[in-house]
Amino acid sequence: MAQYVLLLHGGEFKHYSPEEMQEILTKYLGWADDLRRRGIHRGGEELDNTGRILKLQNGQIVDGPFTETKEAVGGFFMFEAKDYTEAVKISKDCPHFHYDGHVELREVIPH
């Protein structure tokens, strides 16, 4: 089976109360648990929003330009699927779609 990474972009969470945020987190963790129960979960974590885009310019690492919030990657899930069609089907249940987020699905090429 192939492995896929689902990169979570954007999402709007600022207007939720702490209690609502806990419920939202429970949905994401529940989705990951479902992938584990199915035996296809291979990893995933939330990413800190303090990251930067690094580029090499004139032999120096340049910090920036900065990614817009709606384009920032906030987390990822890695899972197995038999093909791209099945990976899309698995991805459609990701809670991120319900919070104005979008996802990027990429197949992992093992080396």
C-alpha atoms as a PDB file:
ATOM      1  CA  MET A   1       0.000   0.000   0.000  1.00  0.00           C
ATOM      2  CA  ALA A   2       1.119   3.539  -0.709  1.00  0.00           C
ATOM      3  CA  GLN A   3       1.560   6.192   1.982  1.00  0.00           C
ATOM      4  CA  TYR A   4      -0.012   9.630   1.730  1.00  0.00           C
ATOM      5  CA  VAL A   5       0.454  12.868   3.643  1.00  0.00           C
ATOM      6  CA  LEU A   6      -2.519  15.118   4.203  1.00  0.00           C
ATOM      7  CA  LEU A   7      -1.245  18.668   4.859  1.00  0.00           C
ATOM      8  CA  LEU A   8      -3.741  20.889   6.682  1.00  0.00           C
ATOM      9  CA  HIS A   9      -3.821  24.466   5.381  1.00  0.00           C
ATOM     10  CA  GLY A  10      -5.610  27.422   6.917  1.00  0.00           C
ATOM     11  CA  GLY A  11      -8.638  26.897   9.073  1.00  0.00           C
ATOM     12  CA  GLU A  12     -10.446  29.452  11.196  1.00  0.00           C
ATOM     13  CA  PHE A  13     -10.378  28.865  14.945  1.00  0.00           C
ATOM     14  CA  LYS A  14     -10.094  32.338  16.537  1.00  0.00           C
ATOM     15  CA  HIS A  15     -13.778  32.808  17.348  1.00  0.00           C
ATOM     16  CA  TYR A  16     -14.209  29.566  19.313  1.00  0.00           C
ATOM     17  CA  SER A  17     -14.286  29.421  23.114  1.00  0.00           C
ATOM     18  CA  PRO A  18     -11.773  27.221  24.971  1.00  0.00           C
ATOM     19  CA  GLU A  19     -14.519  24.641  25.508  1.00  0.00           C
ATOM     20  CA  GLU A  20     -15.390  24.628  21.797  1.00  0.00           C
ATOM     21  CA  MET A  21     -11.689  24.322  20.913  1.00  0.00           C
ATOM     22  CA  GLN A  22     -11.467  21.248  23.125  1.00  0.00           C
ATOM     23  CA  GLU A  23     -14.421  19.723  21.233  1.00  0.00           C
ATOM     24  CA  ILE A  24     -12.728  20.533  17.910  1.00  0.00           C
ATOM     25  CA  LEU A  25      -9.462  18.945  19.080  1.00  0.00           C
ATOM     26  CA  THR A  26     -11.433  15.860  20.117  1.00  0.00           C
ATOM     27  CA  LYS A  27     -12.771  15.582  16.550  1.00  0.00           C
ATOM     28  CA  TYR A  28      -9.261  15.668  15.057  1.00  0.00           C
ATOM     29  CA  LEU A  29      -7.963  13.141  17.593  1.00  0.00           C
ATOM     30  CA  GLY A  30     -11.010  10.948  16.978  1.00  0.00           C
ATOM     31  CA  TRP A  31     -10.334  10.970  13.240  1.00  0.00           C
ATOM     32  CA  ALA A  32      -6.730   9.927  13.888  1.00  0.00           C
ATOM     33  CA  ASP A  33      -7.978   7.184  16.230  1.00  0.00           C
ATOM     34  CA  ASP A  34     -10.273   5.934  13.470  1.00  0.00           C
ATOM     35  CA  LEU A  35      -7.304   5.724  11.098  1.00  0.00           C
ATOM     36  CA  ARG A  36      -5.411   3.776  13.788  1.00  0.00           C
ATOM     37  CA  ARG A  37      -8.334   1.352  14.291  1.00  0.00           C
ATOM     38  CA  ARG A  38      -8.326   0.741  10.547  1.00  0.00           C
ATOM     39  CA  GLY A  39      -4.582   0.021  10.680  1.00  0.00           C
ATOM     40  CA  ILE A  40      -3.681   2.762   8.168  1.00  0.00           C
ATOM     41  CA  HIS A  41      -2.431   5.592  10.425  1.00  0.00           C
ATOM     42  CA  ARG A  42       1.294   6.262   9.987  1.00  0.00           C
ATOM     43  CA  GLY A  43       1.702   9.552  11.834  1.00  0.00           C
ATOM     44  CA  GLY A  44       0.510  13.097  12.244  1.00  0.00           C
ATOM     45  CA  GLU A  45       0.881  16.117  14.462  1.00  0.00           C
ATOM     46  CA  GLU A  46      -0.163  19.716  14.865  1.00  0.00           C
ATOM     47  CA  LEU A  47       2.537  22.162  13.780  1.00  0.00           C
ATOM     48  CA  ASP A  48       3.510  25.288  15.689  1.00  0.00           C
ATOM     49  CA  ASN A  49       2.646  28.508  13.849  1.00  0.00           C
ATOM     50  CA  THR A  50       6.054  30.107  14.495  1.00  0.00           C
ATOM     51  CA  GLY A  51       7.703  28.481  11.459  1.00  0.00           C
ATOM     52  CA  ARG A  52       9.228  30.479   8.630  1.00  0.00           C
ATOM     53  CA  ILE A  53      10.045  30.021   4.972  1.00  0.00           C
ATOM     54  CA  LEU A  54      13.832  29.727   4.605  1.00  0.00           C
ATOM     55  CA  LYS A  55      15.697  30.441   1.367  1.00  0.00           C
ATOM     56  CA  LEU A  56      19.362  30.459   0.449  1.00  0.00           C
ATOM     57  CA  GLN A  57      20.253  33.854  -1.008  1.00  0.00           C
ATOM     58  CA  ASN A  58      23.827  34.927  -1.776  1.00  0.00           C
ATOM     59  CA  GLY A  59      25.154  32.135   0.435  1.00  0.00           C
ATOM     60  CA  GLN A  60      23.020  33.227   3.407  1.00  0.00           C
ATOM     61  CA  ILE A  61      19.804  31.785   4.819  1.00  0.00           C
ATOM     62  CA  VAL A  62      17.023  34.354   4.483  1.00  0.00           C
ATOM     63  CA  ASP A  63      14.049  34.151   6.847  1.00  0.00           C
ATOM     64  CA  GLY A  64      10.952  35.110   4.840  1.00  0.00           C
ATOM     65  CA  PRO A  65       8.863  36.177   3.043  1.00  0.00           C
ATOM     66  CA  PHE A  66       6.233  35.013   5.449  1.00  0.00           C
ATOM     67  CA  THR A  67       3.411  32.699   4.487  1.00  0.00           C
ATOM     68  CA  GLU A  68      -0.103  34.061   4.762  1.00  0.00           C
ATOM     69  CA  THR A  69      -2.130  32.400   7.529  1.00  0.00           C
ATOM     70  CA  LYS A  70      -4.577  30.882   5.045  1.00  0.00           C
ATOM     71  CA  GLU A  71      -1.663  29.161   3.291  1.00  0.00           C
ATOM     72  CA  ALA A  72       0.238  28.042   6.396  1.00  0.00           C
ATOM     73  CA  VAL A  73       0.459  24.335   7.123  1.00  0.00           C
ATOM     74  CA  GLY A  74      -0.991  23.801  10.597  1.00  0.00           C
ATOM     75  CA  GLY A  75      -0.572  20.053  10.830  1.00  0.00           C
ATOM     76  CA  PHE A  76      -0.471  16.795   8.953  1.00  0.00           C
ATOM     77  CA  PHE A  77      -1.705  13.237   8.918  1.00  0.00           C
ATOM     78  CA  MET A  78       0.110  10.349   7.264  1.00  0.00           C
ATOM     79  CA  PHE A  79      -1.822   7.230   6.306  1.00  0.00           C
ATOM     80  CA  GLU A  80      -1.834   4.285   3.919  1.00  0.00           C
ATOM     81  CA  ALA A  81      -4.200   3.734   1.018  1.00  0.00           C
ATOM     82  CA  LYS A  82      -4.181   1.357  -1.934  1.00  0.00           C
ATOM     83  CA  ASP A  83      -4.247   4.260  -4.434  1.00  0.00           C
ATOM     84  CA  TYR A  84      -4.974   7.967  -4.866  1.00  0.00           C
ATOM     85  CA  THR A  85      -8.731   7.403  -5.236  1.00  0.00           C
ATOM     86  CA  GLU A  86      -8.888   5.617  -1.900  1.00  0.00           C
ATOM     87  CA  ALA A  87      -6.686   8.317  -0.300  1.00  0.00           C
ATOM     88  CA  VAL A  88      -9.160  10.990  -1.432  1.00  0.00           C
ATOM     89  CA  LYS A  89     -12.028   8.943  -0.012  1.00  0.00           C
ATOM     90  CA  ILE A  90     -10.232   8.636   3.346  1.00  0.00           C
ATOM     91  CA  SER A  91      -9.389  12.362   3.332  1.00  0.00           C
ATOM     92  CA  LYS A  92     -12.970  13.521   2.889  1.00  0.00           C
ATOM     93  CA  ASP A  93     -13.738  12.685   6.530  1.00  0.00           C
ATOM     94  CA  CYS A  94     -10.963  14.914   7.879  1.00  0.00           C
ATOM     95  CA  PRO A  95     -12.491  17.455  10.298  1.00  0.00           C
ATOM     96  CA  HIS A  96     -10.385  20.286   8.833  1.00  0.00           C
ATOM     97  CA  PHE A  97     -12.888  20.825   6.018  1.00  0.00           C
ATOM     98  CA  HIS A  98     -15.501  21.916   8.593  1.00  0.00           C
ATOM     99  CA  TYR A  99     -13.397  24.832   9.873  1.00  0.00           C
ATOM    100  CA  ASP A 100     -12.748  26.750   6.641  1.00  0.00           C
ATOM    101  CA  GLY A 101      -9.545  24.807   6.047  1.00  0.00           C
ATOM    102  CA  HIS A 102      -8.328  23.012   2.972  1.00  0.00           C
ATOM    103  CA  VAL A 103      -5.978  20.096   2.614  1.00  0.00           C
ATOM    104  CA  GLU A 104      -3.189  19.076   0.297  1.00  0.00           C
ATOM    105  CA  LEU A 105      -2.912  15.361  -0.429  1.00  0.00           C
ATOM    106  CA  ARG A 106       0.518  14.086  -1.480  1.00  0.00           C
ATOM    107  CA  GLU A 107       1.790  10.570  -2.057  1.00  0.00           C
ATOM    108  CA  VAL A 108       5.019   9.710  -0.241  1.00  0.00           C
ATOM    109  CA  ILE A 109       7.739   8.338  -2.492  1.00  0.00           C
ATOM    110  CA  PRO A 110       9.902   5.999  -0.410  1.00  0.00           C
ATOM    111  CA  HIS A 111      13.683   6.067  -0.917  1.00  0.00           C
END
